[in-house]
Amino acid sequence: MTDSVLAPLLRVILIWRRQAPAIVFGALVALASLAAGIALMAAAGHYIAAAALGITLAVPVALEVTGVARVVLRYLERLTTHDATFRALAALRLWFYRGLARSAAGGLGFRRSGDVLARLVNDIEALDGVLLRLLIPLLGAAMLVPALLVAVGRDDDTAAALVLVLFAVVAFVMPWRAMLAARAAAADETEAGGALRVSVLDTLTGLREIKVYEAEGRMLAGVQWQESRLFRAERDLAARGGALQGLAFLATQAALLAVLLIHGANPVAVVVAVFVVVAAFEVVGGMPRAGVTAGRASAAASRVLQAAEAEPRVRDPARPAPMPGSNALAFEHVAFRWTPEGQAVFEDLSLDIPAGSRIAVLGPSGAGKSTLAALALKLVSPDEGQIRLGGTDIATLRSADVRRRIAWLSQTTHLFADTIRNNLLIGRDDADDDALWAALEAARIADMVRALPDGLEAWVGEQGSQFSGGQGRRLALARTLLSPAPILILDEPCSGLDLETERAFLATLNNTLEGRTVLMITHRLTGVERLDRVYRLQNGRLTPAAR
């Protein structure tokens, strides 16, 4: 149980090693601020006790110095520790995104976008408490042990032992027990939070269909159920934290009572001890609740690591073969299924695509046409058989090298909520304005872009909402044409277009793809395509088809 709680947190802390200088500096400033605060309380206790006994003292220099130091260091502590936390979380998000991209190069696959978003936002934000509310307070608690020993132990060993035991219980034992106890409840909370985000996202994205079928009540009930599940988990965690905070308060009062019952000590020493004990227990008073935070952070870390460290479907070879000179593509006796228990997509599929040729593959929805693109792009690997690029098995080539040779226009091309320029630059990030306009001209959409007030800087909108379906497909085509890849896979390139727009779009393709190898994957032909060969995909096999 202990390993399962600590291991995810330690793994995340290791990811932060590049931020170690900022984290260490922030921790040192926090400890210096804490030391100044304890020294200030001790000096204040000494001064107040002396005044109460009628001893006239000038305001000690220590009081002035520690007071100013406390204010300055406290301010610097906030700056440095929060800066270190923000840097660590930013690094963790980048690490998470890279891991997700590596393990899901073909998209999210069987992951749900709302769940991934919850891990990227909620779970990573839950880890900010690891630094600010757990690690730094633990270091401070360790530093306070000798301070308590000096303040209380010089006059009464028994009282000192009791105070130190109570302090250790509040600062170390309670947080540890809280973390272990809260781990399961925290896992329920993070799962419930992710499920709620998925439910809300599904409801918002499907709002049109919900309205048409008058399903608002059913969808709202589902969201409310997930919300109540989250509230129950949060209430459980809050109850655990509240109970421990009550015990921590009782421990603090018992420590103060032990100090007040010190016998044989001079009154000034007792007052100083009281001030130091109050300050020390105030510092660690929130540690039991921090233990609950640690349990929540452990559950969040597990979810983040699970998503980011998933094994990629296709691994690159340790010693990749050199890229071939030819751009011919061939599928040789390929068998494939998406899951071991799933239905076979291909059983013995062979397809030869010579360099510079134009090949079409026809088939109904679900026949496996898009799987051909995934296999060619090395997003998945065949269970049997080989896919060859220029005569070389792509299993022996680096995935990045293969994808530099093959451009892809998918049936659900995504336009990002950004400018036209930045959407195009995804195809080639070093393209200048001349190259961008040339691609737009080739896609027959340059005139429309020029007519926009902002031109290339025009905002595309979420999911390309500022443009019609045909305009969006042409922008996606321009992005694909901008790629220098000699092989182009068109996966249902006219999906969602009306017949007139589809014919115009295909005419554009005919005129702009000269010299490239083209594999067109579609469910039907319109008769305007320029093709060398046509195949029909049925029951996992390809057979020549007449146009």
Protein backbone atom coordinates (compact mmCIF):
# COMPACT_ATOMS: atom_id res chain seq x y z
CA MET A 1 0.00 0.00 0.00
CA THR A 2 2.80 2.40 0.93
CA ASP A 3 4.63 1.80 -2.32
CA SER A 4 1.46 2.32 -4.35
CA VAL A 5 0.93 5.72 -2.71
CA LEU A 6 4.48 7.04 -2.80
CA ALA A 7 5.66 5.62 -6.13
CA PRO A 8 3.56 7.92 -8.37
CA LEU A 9 4.60 11.02 -6.39
CA LEU A 10 8.28 10.09 -6.52
CA ARG A 11 7.97 9.46 -10.24
CA VAL A 12 6.51 12.95 -10.77
CA ILE A 13 9.23 14.53 -8.60
CA LEU A 14 11.84 12.87 -10.83
CA ILE A 15 10.21 14.49 -13.87
CA TRP A 16 10.84 17.85 -12.17
CA ARG A 17 14.61 17.33 -11.95
CA ARG A 18 15.30 20.05 -14.53
CA GLN A 19 13.43 22.49 -12.31
CA ALA A 20 15.52 21.39 -9.29
CA PRO A 21 17.48 24.71 -9.00
CA ALA A 22 14.28 26.78 -8.83
CA ILE A 23 12.66 24.31 -6.43
CA VAL A 24 15.70 24.14 -4.13
CA PHE A 25 16.08 27.93 -4.10
CA GLY A 26 12.41 28.38 -3.25
CA ALA A 27 12.70 25.80 -0.45
CA LEU A 28 15.75 27.54 1.02
CA VAL A 29 13.98 30.90 1.00
CA ALA A 30 10.94 29.28 2.66
CA LEU A 31 13.14 27.76 5.39
CA ALA A 32 14.90 31.09 5.94
CA SER A 33 11.49 32.78 6.27
CA LEU A 34 10.42 30.14 8.78
CA ALA A 35 13.62 30.58 10.80
CA ALA A 36 13.09 34.34 10.87
CA GLY A 37 9.51 33.81 12.05
CA ILE A 38 10.54 31.52 14.91
CA ALA A 39 13.31 33.89 15.94
CA LEU A 40 10.83 36.78 15.88
CA MET A 41 8.40 34.91 18.13
CA ALA A 42 11.16 34.00 20.58
CA ALA A 43 12.41 37.60 20.75
CA ALA A 44 8.84 38.90 21.11
CA GLY A 45 8.12 36.43 23.93
CA HIS A 46 11.26 37.46 25.76
CA TYR A 47 10.43 41.16 25.43
CA ILE A 48 6.76 40.77 26.49
CA ALA A 49 7.62 38.57 29.50
CA ALA A 50 10.26 40.99 30.69
CA ALA A 51 7.83 43.90 30.39
CA ALA A 52 5.19 41.98 32.33
CA LEU A 53 7.66 41.39 35.15
CA GLY A 54 8.53 45.09 35.28
CA ILE A 55 11.92 44.62 33.67
CA THR A 56 12.60 47.63 31.48
CA LEU A 57 14.24 46.67 28.18
CA ALA A 58 14.97 48.63 25.06
CA VAL A 59 13.45 47.10 21.97
CA PRO A 60 16.05 44.41 21.20
CA VAL A 61 17.89 44.60 17.92
CA ALA A 62 16.95 40.96 17.30
CA LEU A 63 13.28 41.93 17.30
CA GLU A 64 13.84 44.64 14.70
CA VAL A 65 16.08 42.50 12.48
CA THR A 66 13.91 39.39 12.59
CA GLY A 67 10.76 41.41 12.01
CA VAL A 68 12.09 43.01 8.85
CA ALA A 69 13.66 39.74 7.71
CA ARG A 70 10.37 37.92 8.24
CA VAL A 71 8.44 40.34 6.01
CA VAL A 72 11.04 40.40 3.24
CA LEU A 73 11.66 36.66 3.26
CA ARG A 74 7.96 35.89 3.36
CA TYR A 75 7.45 37.97 0.23
CA LEU A 76 10.40 36.31 -1.51
CA GLU A 77 9.11 32.91 -0.42
CA ARG A 78 5.81 33.51 -2.19
CA LEU A 79 7.59 34.65 -5.35
CA THR A 80 10.14 31.84 -5.50
CA THR A 81 7.98 28.89 -4.42
CA HIS A 82 5.09 29.81 -6.69
CA ASP A 83 7.47 30.42 -9.58
CA ALA A 84 9.04 27.00 -8.99
CA THR A 85 5.58 25.39 -8.84
CA PHE A 86 4.43 26.99 -12.09
CA ARG A 87 7.64 25.92 -13.82
CA ALA A 88 7.24 22.36 -12.54
CA LEU A 89 3.61 22.11 -13.65
CA ALA A 90 4.42 23.56 -17.07
CA ALA A 91 7.20 20.99 -17.48
CA LEU A 92 4.82 18.23 -16.39
CA ARG A 93 2.19 19.29 -18.94
CA LEU A 94 4.77 19.27 -21.73
CA TRP A 95 6.00 15.84 -20.62
CA PHE A 96 2.42 14.57 -20.49
CA TYR A 97 1.60 15.89 -23.97
CA ARG A 98 4.75 14.39 -25.47
CA GLY A 99 3.97 11.02 -23.87
CA LEU A 100 0.38 11.15 -25.09
CA ALA A 101 1.51 12.04 -28.63
CA ARG A 102 4.04 9.20 -28.61
CA SER A 103 1.58 6.56 -27.43
CA ALA A 104 -1.37 7.82 -29.50
CA ALA A 105 0.18 9.05 -32.73
CA GLY A 106 -2.97 8.09 -34.60
CA GLY A 107 -5.22 10.10 -32.31
CA LEU A 108 -6.70 9.41 -28.90
CA GLY A 109 -7.81 5.96 -30.03
CA PHE A 110 -9.93 4.36 -27.33
CA ARG A 111 -9.35 7.26 -24.93
CA ARG A 112 -12.16 9.74 -24.42
CA SER A 113 -11.21 13.35 -25.04
CA GLY A 114 -12.94 14.56 -21.85
CA ASP A 115 -10.95 12.09 -19.77
CA VAL A 116 -7.67 13.14 -21.39
CA LEU A 117 -8.57 16.79 -20.78
CA ALA A 118 -9.29 16.02 -17.12
CA ARG A 119 -5.86 14.44 -16.74
CA LEU A 120 -4.15 17.31 -18.54
CA VAL A 121 -5.87 20.01 -16.47
CA ASN A 122 -7.41 18.78 -13.22
CA ASP A 123 -5.00 16.00 -12.32
CA ILE A 124 -1.87 18.01 -13.07
CA GLU A 125 -3.22 21.00 -11.14
CA ALA A 126 -3.82 18.67 -8.18
CA LEU A 127 -0.06 18.10 -8.09
CA ASP A 128 0.72 21.75 -7.29
CA GLY A 129 0.17 20.93 -3.62
CA VAL A 130 3.09 18.49 -3.61
CA LEU A 131 5.61 21.33 -3.45
CA LEU A 132 3.74 24.09 -1.63
CA ARG A 133 1.73 22.11 0.89
CA LEU A 134 3.76 18.94 1.40
CA LEU A 135 7.48 18.94 0.61
CA ILE A 136 8.38 22.44 1.85
CA PRO A 137 6.26 22.16 5.05
CA LEU A 138 7.89 18.78 5.76
CA LEU A 139 11.34 20.35 5.49
CA GLY A 140 10.20 23.15 7.78
CA ALA A 141 8.86 20.67 10.33
CA ALA A 142 12.19 18.84 10.38
CA MET A 143 13.98 22.17 10.97
CA LEU A 144 11.66 23.03 13.87
CA VAL A 145 12.54 19.94 15.92
CA PRO A 146 15.86 21.32 17.26
CA ALA A 147 14.22 24.73 17.84
CA LEU A 148 11.60 23.12 20.06
CA LEU A 149 14.22 21.08 21.84
CA VAL A 150 16.17 24.23 22.72
CA ALA A 151 13.12 26.30 23.69
CA VAL A 152 11.47 23.68 25.92
CA GLY A 153 14.13 21.11 26.80
CA ARG A 154 16.58 23.36 28.63
CA ASP A 155 14.27 23.56 31.67
CA ASP A 156 12.21 20.33 31.66
CA ASP A 157 13.14 17.14 29.81
CA THR A 158 9.74 15.55 30.39
CA ALA A 159 7.85 18.51 28.96
CA ALA A 160 10.27 18.64 26.02
CA ALA A 161 9.74 14.95 25.27
CA LEU A 162 5.95 15.33 25.41
CA VAL A 163 6.00 18.43 23.16
CA LEU A 164 8.27 16.72 20.63
CA VAL A 165 6.09 13.59 20.54
CA LEU A 166 2.95 15.67 19.99
CA PHE A 167 4.76 17.73 17.34
CA ALA A 168 5.92 14.60 15.52
CA VAL A 169 2.39 13.19 15.58
CA VAL A 170 0.95 16.37 14.03
CA ALA A 171 3.79 17.03 11.57
CA PHE A 172 4.62 13.49 10.41
CA VAL A 173 2.35 10.72 11.69
CA MET A 174 -1.02 12.33 10.96
CA PRO A 175 -0.12 13.39 7.40
CA TRP A 176 1.22 9.92 6.69
CA ARG A 177 -1.90 8.22 7.97
CA ALA A 178 -4.09 10.76 6.17
CA MET A 179 -2.29 10.13 2.89
CA LEU A 180 -2.74 6.36 3.16
CA ALA A 181 -6.37 6.66 4.21
CA ALA A 182 -7.26 9.28 1.59
CA ARG A 183 -5.69 7.45 -1.37
CA ALA A 184 -8.75 5.35 -2.20
CA ALA A 185 -11.19 8.23 -1.68
CA ALA A 186 -8.95 10.51 -3.75
CA ALA A 187 -8.89 7.96 -6.57
CA ASP A 188 -12.70 7.94 -6.52
CA GLU A 189 -12.69 11.75 -6.61
CA THR A 190 -10.35 11.98 -9.60
CA GLU A 191 -12.27 9.30 -11.49
CA ALA A 192 -15.55 11.06 -10.73
CA GLY A 193 -14.13 14.41 -11.81
CA GLY A 194 -12.95 12.92 -15.10
CA ALA A 195 -16.30 11.23 -15.69
CA LEU A 196 -18.13 14.51 -15.01
CA ARG A 197 -15.94 16.34 -17.52
CA VAL A 198 -16.59 13.64 -20.12
CA SER A 199 -20.34 13.85 -19.51
CA VAL A 200 -20.41 17.65 -19.74
CA LEU A 201 -18.24 17.68 -22.87
CA ASP A 202 -20.43 15.06 -24.57
CA THR A 203 -23.55 17.07 -23.70
CA LEU A 204 -22.14 20.34 -25.04
CA THR A 205 -20.74 18.90 -28.27
CA GLY A 206 -23.97 17.02 -28.95
CA LEU A 207 -26.27 19.90 -28.04
CA ARG A 208 -27.86 20.07 -31.49
CA GLU A 209 -28.85 16.40 -31.49
CA ILE A 210 -30.04 16.63 -27.88
CA LYS A 211 -32.30 19.53 -28.79
CA VAL A 212 -33.68 17.85 -31.90
CA TYR A 213 -34.60 14.65 -30.03
CA GLU A 214 -35.73 16.51 -26.89
CA ALA A 215 -33.28 14.56 -24.74
CA GLU A 216 -32.33 17.45 -22.46
CA GLY A 217 -33.81 15.81 -19.39
CA ARG A 218 -32.00 12.50 -19.84
CA MET A 219 -28.65 14.15 -20.58
CA LEU A 220 -29.04 16.56 -17.64
CA ALA A 221 -29.84 13.64 -15.35
CA GLY A 222 -26.62 11.92 -16.42
CA VAL A 223 -24.57 15.04 -15.72
CA GLN A 224 -26.23 15.49 -12.31
CA TRP A 225 -25.53 11.87 -11.40
CA GLN A 226 -21.84 12.29 -12.20
CA GLU A 227 -21.85 15.56 -10.26
CA SER A 228 -23.37 13.90 -7.18
CA ARG A 229 -20.75 11.15 -7.43
CA LEU A 230 -18.01 13.79 -7.38
CA PHE A 231 -19.62 15.61 -4.44
CA ARG A 232 -19.76 12.38 -2.42
CA ALA A 233 -16.06 11.75 -2.98
CA GLU A 234 -15.18 15.35 -2.10
CA ARG A 235 -17.32 15.18 1.04
CA ASP A 236 -15.52 12.02 2.12
CA LEU A 237 -12.13 13.68 1.68
CA ALA A 238 -13.27 16.82 3.48
CA ALA A 239 -14.55 14.76 6.41
CA ARG A 240 -11.22 12.97 6.73
CA GLY A 241 -9.33 16.25 6.63
CA GLY A 242 -11.65 17.91 9.13
CA ALA A 243 -11.35 15.08 11.66
CA LEU A 244 -7.57 15.15 11.50
CA GLN A 245 -7.50 18.94 11.85
CA GLY A 246 -9.52 18.57 15.05
CA LEU A 247 -7.00 16.07 16.43
CA ALA A 248 -4.15 18.41 15.44
CA PHE A 249 -5.82 21.23 17.39
CA LEU A 250 -6.11 19.04 20.50
CA ALA A 251 -2.44 18.05 20.18
CA THR A 252 -1.47 21.73 20.04
CA GLN A 253 -3.40 22.52 23.19
CA ALA A 254 -1.83 19.55 24.97
CA ALA A 255 1.65 20.78 24.00
CA LEU A 256 0.89 24.26 25.37
CA LEU A 257 -0.38 22.74 28.60
CA ALA A 258 2.84 20.73 28.95
CA VAL A 259 4.90 23.91 28.56
CA LEU A 260 2.80 25.83 31.12
CA LEU A 261 3.29 23.05 33.67
CA ILE A 262 7.09 23.30 33.53
CA HIS A 263 8.40 23.49 37.10
CA GLY A 264 11.41 25.43 38.28
CA ALA A 265 11.80 27.54 35.18
CA ASN A 266 11.93 31.29 35.22
CA PRO A 267 8.81 32.97 33.85
CA VAL A 268 10.62 34.57 30.91
CA ALA A 269 11.82 31.18 29.66
CA VAL A 270 8.30 29.75 29.95
CA VAL A 271 6.79 32.60 27.93
CA VAL A 272 9.47 32.23 25.25
CA ALA A 273 8.77 28.51 25.10
CA VAL A 274 5.03 29.16 24.76
CA PHE A 275 5.63 31.59 21.90
CA VAL A 276 7.94 29.15 20.08
CA VAL A 277 5.55 26.21 20.56
CA VAL A 278 2.59 28.25 19.28
CA ALA A 279 4.58 29.33 16.22
CA ALA A 280 5.87 25.80 15.55
CA PHE A 281 2.47 24.13 15.82
CA GLU A 282 0.91 26.88 13.70
CA VAL A 283 3.39 26.01 10.94
CA VAL A 284 2.50 22.29 10.99
CA GLY A 285 -1.15 22.72 11.89
CA GLY A 286 -2.19 22.20 8.28
CA MET A 287 -0.05 19.09 7.78
CA PRO A 288 -2.86 16.57 8.42
CA ARG A 289 -4.90 18.22 5.69
CA ALA A 290 -1.76 18.23 3.56
CA GLY A 291 -1.74 14.45 3.95
CA VAL A 292 -5.19 14.35 2.36
CA THR A 293 -3.82 16.59 -0.40
CA ALA A 294 -0.96 14.15 -0.86
CA GLY A 295 -3.41 11.27 -1.22
CA ARG A 296 -5.28 13.26 -3.86
CA ALA A 297 -2.00 14.13 -5.59
CA SER A 298 -0.95 10.46 -5.57
CA ALA A 299 -4.19 9.44 -7.27
CA ALA A 300 -3.81 12.26 -9.80
CA ALA A 301 -0.17 11.32 -10.46
CA SER A 302 -1.20 7.72 -11.13
CA ARG A 303 -3.71 8.85 -13.77
CA VAL A 304 -1.22 11.22 -15.41
CA LEU A 305 1.50 8.56 -15.53
CA GLN A 306 -0.92 5.92 -16.82
CA ALA A 307 -1.89 8.08 -19.80
CA ALA A 308 1.56 9.50 -20.58
CA GLU A 309 3.55 6.28 -20.20
CA ALA A 310 1.28 4.01 -22.21
CA GLU A 311 3.23 1.90 -24.65
CA PRO A 312 3.08 3.15 -28.27
CA ARG A 313 1.38 0.78 -30.69
CA VAL A 314 4.44 0.84 -32.95
CA ARG A 315 8.04 1.05 -31.73
CA ASP A 316 10.91 2.33 -33.82
CA PRO A 317 13.76 -0.12 -34.46
CA ALA A 318 16.91 0.23 -32.39
CA ARG A 319 18.96 0.45 -35.60
CA PRO A 320 16.75 1.89 -38.33
CA ALA A 321 17.48 1.07 -41.96
CA PRO A 322 18.39 3.89 -44.38
CA MET A 323 15.48 5.45 -46.24
CA PRO A 324 15.02 4.01 -49.74
CA GLY A 325 15.23 6.16 -52.83
CA SER A 326 11.99 4.91 -54.40
CA ASN A 327 8.50 6.08 -53.37
CA ALA A 328 6.64 2.92 -54.37
CA LEU A 329 4.31 1.61 -51.66
CA ALA A 330 3.28 -2.04 -51.32
CA PHE A 331 1.13 -4.08 -48.91
CA GLU A 332 2.19 -7.74 -48.94
CA HIS A 333 -0.13 -10.41 -47.44
CA VAL A 334 -1.17 -8.12 -44.58
CA ALA A 335 -3.35 -9.37 -41.73
CA PHE A 336 -4.53 -6.98 -39.02
CA ARG A 337 -7.04 -6.56 -36.20
CA TRP A 338 -7.27 -3.59 -33.84
CA THR A 339 -7.57 -5.67 -30.66
CA PRO A 340 -6.56 -9.29 -30.06
CA GLU A 341 -10.15 -10.28 -29.40
CA GLY A 342 -11.60 -8.07 -32.15
CA GLN A 343 -12.74 -9.01 -35.63
CA ALA A 344 -10.05 -9.26 -38.33
CA VAL A 345 -9.93 -6.16 -40.55
CA PHE A 346 -7.55 -7.71 -43.10
CA GLU A 347 -6.67 -11.38 -43.50
CA ASP A 348 -4.46 -11.58 -46.60
CA LEU A 349 -4.40 -8.15 -48.21
CA SER A 350 -1.93 -7.26 -50.96
CA LEU A 351 -1.75 -3.96 -52.86
CA ASP A 352 0.95 -2.58 -55.12
CA ILE A 353 1.16 1.21 -55.59
CA PRO A 354 3.96 2.12 -58.04
CA ALA A 355 5.70 5.47 -57.66
CA GLY A 356 3.77 8.23 -59.41
CA SER A 357 0.60 6.17 -59.83
CA ARG A 358 -2.95 7.02 -58.75
CA ILE A 359 -4.80 4.19 -57.05
CA ALA A 360 -8.34 4.19 -55.62
CA VAL A 361 -9.67 1.77 -53.01
CA LEU A 362 -13.47 1.53 -52.77
CA GLY A 363 -15.47 0.01 -49.97
CA PRO A 364 -18.43 0.54 -47.64
CA SER A 365 -18.12 2.15 -44.23
CA GLY A 366 -16.34 -0.13 -41.80
CA ALA A 367 -14.58 -2.16 -44.48
CA GLY A 368 -11.16 -1.06 -43.24
CA LYS A 369 -10.29 1.66 -45.73
CA SER A 370 -8.98 4.06 -43.08
CA THR A 371 -6.98 1.22 -41.55
CA LEU A 372 -4.93 1.16 -44.77
CA ALA A 373 -3.86 4.74 -44.08
CA ALA A 374 -3.02 3.95 -40.45
CA LEU A 375 -0.85 1.01 -41.53
CA ALA A 376 0.94 2.99 -44.25
CA LEU A 377 1.67 5.86 -41.84
CA LYS A 378 3.05 3.37 -39.29
CA LEU A 379 0.47 4.36 -36.71
CA VAL A 380 -0.21 0.65 -36.26
CA SER A 381 1.70 -2.40 -37.42
CA PRO A 382 0.34 -5.48 -39.23
CA ASP A 383 -0.12 -8.73 -37.33
CA GLU A 384 1.20 -10.59 -40.35
CA GLY A 385 2.78 -9.59 -43.65
CA GLN A 386 4.78 -6.50 -44.54
CA ILE A 387 4.31 -2.96 -45.79
CA ARG A 388 7.17 -1.84 -48.02
CA LEU A 389 8.27 1.67 -48.95
CA GLY A 390 10.63 1.61 -51.91
CA GLY A 391 11.14 -2.10 -51.31
CA THR A 392 12.10 -1.63 -47.62
CA ASP A 393 9.89 -2.98 -44.82
CA ILE A 394 8.66 0.11 -42.95
CA ALA A 395 9.04 -1.85 -39.69
CA THR A 396 12.79 -1.29 -40.13
CA LEU A 397 12.37 2.48 -40.70
CA ARG A 398 11.85 5.31 -38.23
CA SER A 399 8.21 6.41 -37.98
CA ALA A 400 9.16 10.06 -38.44
CA ASP A 401 11.03 9.24 -41.66
CA VAL A 402 8.07 7.30 -43.04
CA ARG A 403 5.69 10.17 -42.29
CA ARG A 404 7.98 12.64 -44.03
CA ARG A 405 7.44 10.61 -47.20
CA ILE A 406 3.65 10.29 -46.80
CA ALA A 407 1.15 13.17 -46.45
CA TRP A 408 -2.40 12.45 -45.33
CA LEU A 409 -5.72 14.20 -45.91
CA SER A 410 -8.19 12.53 -43.56
CA GLN A 411 -11.95 12.37 -43.81
CA THR A 412 -12.33 14.40 -40.60
CA THR A 413 -9.51 16.89 -41.06
CA HIS A 414 -9.19 19.11 -38.03
CA LEU A 415 -8.81 22.89 -38.38
CA PHE A 416 -7.41 24.44 -35.23
CA ALA A 417 -8.89 27.49 -33.52
CA ASP A 418 -6.06 29.66 -34.83
CA THR A 419 -5.15 31.75 -37.86
CA ILE A 420 -5.12 30.47 -41.44
CA ARG A 421 -1.34 30.94 -41.44
CA ASN A 422 -0.76 28.78 -38.37
CA ASN A 423 -3.12 26.09 -39.65
CA LEU A 424 -1.13 25.91 -42.89
CA LEU A 425 2.25 25.91 -41.17
CA ILE A 426 1.43 22.56 -39.58
CA GLY A 427 2.09 21.12 -43.03
CA ARG A 428 5.53 22.74 -43.21
CA ASP A 429 6.66 24.97 -40.38
CA ASP A 430 9.39 26.76 -42.37
CA ALA A 431 7.13 27.83 -45.27
CA ASP A 432 7.28 31.52 -46.21
CA ASP A 433 4.38 33.63 -47.44
CA ASP A 434 5.06 32.79 -51.09
CA ALA A 435 4.82 29.06 -50.34
CA LEU A 436 1.61 29.57 -48.35
CA TRP A 437 -0.05 31.51 -51.14
CA ALA A 438 1.13 28.96 -53.72
CA ALA A 439 -0.54 26.17 -51.71
CA LEU A 440 -3.74 28.22 -51.40
CA GLU A 441 -3.68 28.89 -55.15
CA ALA A 442 -3.23 25.19 -55.87
CA ALA A 443 -6.19 24.39 -53.58
CA ARG A 444 -8.28 27.08 -55.38
CA ILE A 445 -9.00 29.06 -52.23
CA ALA A 446 -6.47 31.89 -52.46
CA ASP A 447 -9.03 34.40 -53.78
CA MET A 448 -11.31 33.79 -50.82
CA VAL A 449 -8.44 34.26 -48.35
CA ARG A 450 -7.32 37.48 -50.09
CA ALA A 451 -10.86 38.84 -49.75
CA LEU A 452 -10.74 38.45 -45.97
CA PRO A 453 -9.83 41.64 -44.04
CA ASP A 454 -6.99 39.85 -42.20
CA GLY A 455 -5.84 37.59 -45.04
CA LEU A 456 -3.52 34.87 -43.72
CA GLU A 457 -4.06 36.18 -40.19
CA ALA A 458 -7.82 35.57 -40.36
CA TRP A 459 -9.17 33.49 -37.50
CA VAL A 460 -10.37 30.03 -38.52
CA GLY A 461 -12.60 29.51 -35.49
CA GLU A 462 -13.25 26.41 -33.45
CA GLN A 463 -13.40 23.36 -35.76
CA GLY A 464 -13.11 25.78 -38.72
CA SER A 465 -16.49 27.32 -37.89
CA GLN A 466 -15.75 30.53 -39.85
CA PHE A 467 -15.73 28.63 -43.17
CA SER A 468 -18.09 26.37 -45.09
CA GLY A 469 -17.42 22.65 -45.42
CA GLY A 470 -15.97 23.06 -48.91
CA GLN A 471 -13.74 25.96 -47.83
CA GLY A 472 -12.53 24.01 -44.83
CA ARG A 473 -11.63 21.02 -47.01
CA ARG A 474 -9.70 23.29 -49.38
CA LEU A 475 -7.77 24.82 -46.49
CA ALA A 476 -6.95 21.29 -45.34
CA LEU A 477 -5.89 20.41 -48.89
CA ALA A 478 -3.62 23.48 -49.02
CA ARG A 479 -2.02 22.35 -45.79
CA THR A 480 -1.46 18.87 -47.25
CA LEU A 481 -0.09 20.26 -50.53
CA LEU A 482 2.34 22.40 -48.56
CA SER A 483 4.00 19.20 -47.38
CA PRO A 484 6.86 18.08 -49.64
CA ALA A 485 5.89 14.42 -49.14
CA PRO A 486 5.90 12.55 -52.49
CA ILE A 487 3.12 10.14 -51.43
CA LEU A 488 -0.37 11.40 -50.64
CA ILE A 489 -3.15 9.38 -48.98
CA LEU A 490 -6.64 10.85 -49.43
CA ASP A 491 -9.03 9.30 -46.91
CA GLU A 492 -12.61 10.13 -48.01
CA PRO A 493 -11.41 13.55 -49.25
CA CYS A 494 -14.94 14.71 -50.13
CA SER A 495 -16.62 13.62 -46.91
CA GLY A 496 -19.48 15.98 -46.01
CA LEU A 497 -19.43 17.92 -49.32
CA ASP A 498 -22.37 18.32 -51.68
CA LEU A 499 -22.07 16.90 -55.20
CA GLU A 500 -21.17 20.18 -56.92
CA THR A 501 -18.53 21.06 -54.31
CA GLU A 502 -17.21 17.51 -54.43
CA ARG A 503 -16.72 17.63 -58.22
CA ALA A 504 -14.94 20.99 -57.99
CA PHE A 505 -12.74 19.69 -55.19
CA LEU A 506 -11.76 16.56 -57.15
CA ALA A 507 -11.02 18.65 -60.22
CA THR A 508 -8.63 20.65 -58.07
CA LEU A 509 -6.96 17.43 -56.92
CA ASN A 510 -6.56 16.26 -60.51
CA ASN A 511 -4.68 19.42 -61.42
CA THR A 512 -2.50 19.78 -58.34
CA LEU A 513 -1.18 16.28 -57.69
CA GLU A 514 0.90 15.77 -60.80
CA GLY A 515 4.04 13.76 -60.05
CA ARG A 516 2.88 12.49 -56.66
CA THR A 517 1.92 8.96 -55.72
CA VAL A 518 -1.76 9.03 -54.72
CA LEU A 519 -3.83 6.49 -52.78
CA MET A 520 -7.48 7.58 -52.69
CA ILE A 521 -9.67 5.81 -50.14
CA THR A 522 -13.39 6.38 -50.71
CA HIS A 523 -16.78 4.68 -50.70
CA ARG A 524 -17.70 5.78 -54.24
CA LEU A 525 -16.34 7.48 -57.35
CA THR A 526 -17.94 10.41 -59.16
CA GLY A 527 -16.32 9.82 -62.54
CA VAL A 528 -14.11 12.93 -62.63
CA GLU A 529 -11.10 11.36 -60.87
CA ARG A 530 -7.94 10.63 -62.84
CA LEU A 531 -6.95 7.15 -61.73
CA ASP A 532 -4.66 4.39 -62.95
CA ARG A 533 -6.29 1.50 -61.10
CA VAL A 534 -9.33 0.92 -58.91
CA TYR A 535 -9.73 -1.79 -56.26
CA ARG A 536 -12.70 -2.88 -54.19
CA LEU A 537 -12.21 -3.78 -50.51
CA GLN A 538 -14.52 -6.55 -49.24
CA ASN A 539 -14.16 -9.01 -46.38
CA GLY A 540 -10.59 -7.93 -45.72
CA ARG A 541 -9.40 -8.53 -49.30
CA LEU A 542 -8.80 -6.36 -52.36
CA THR A 543 -10.06 -7.22 -55.82
CA PRO A 544 -9.69 -5.20 -59.05
CA ALA A 545 -12.83 -3.23 -59.89
CA ALA A 546 -14.12 -1.66 -63.08
CA ARG A 547 -14.82 2.05 -62.90
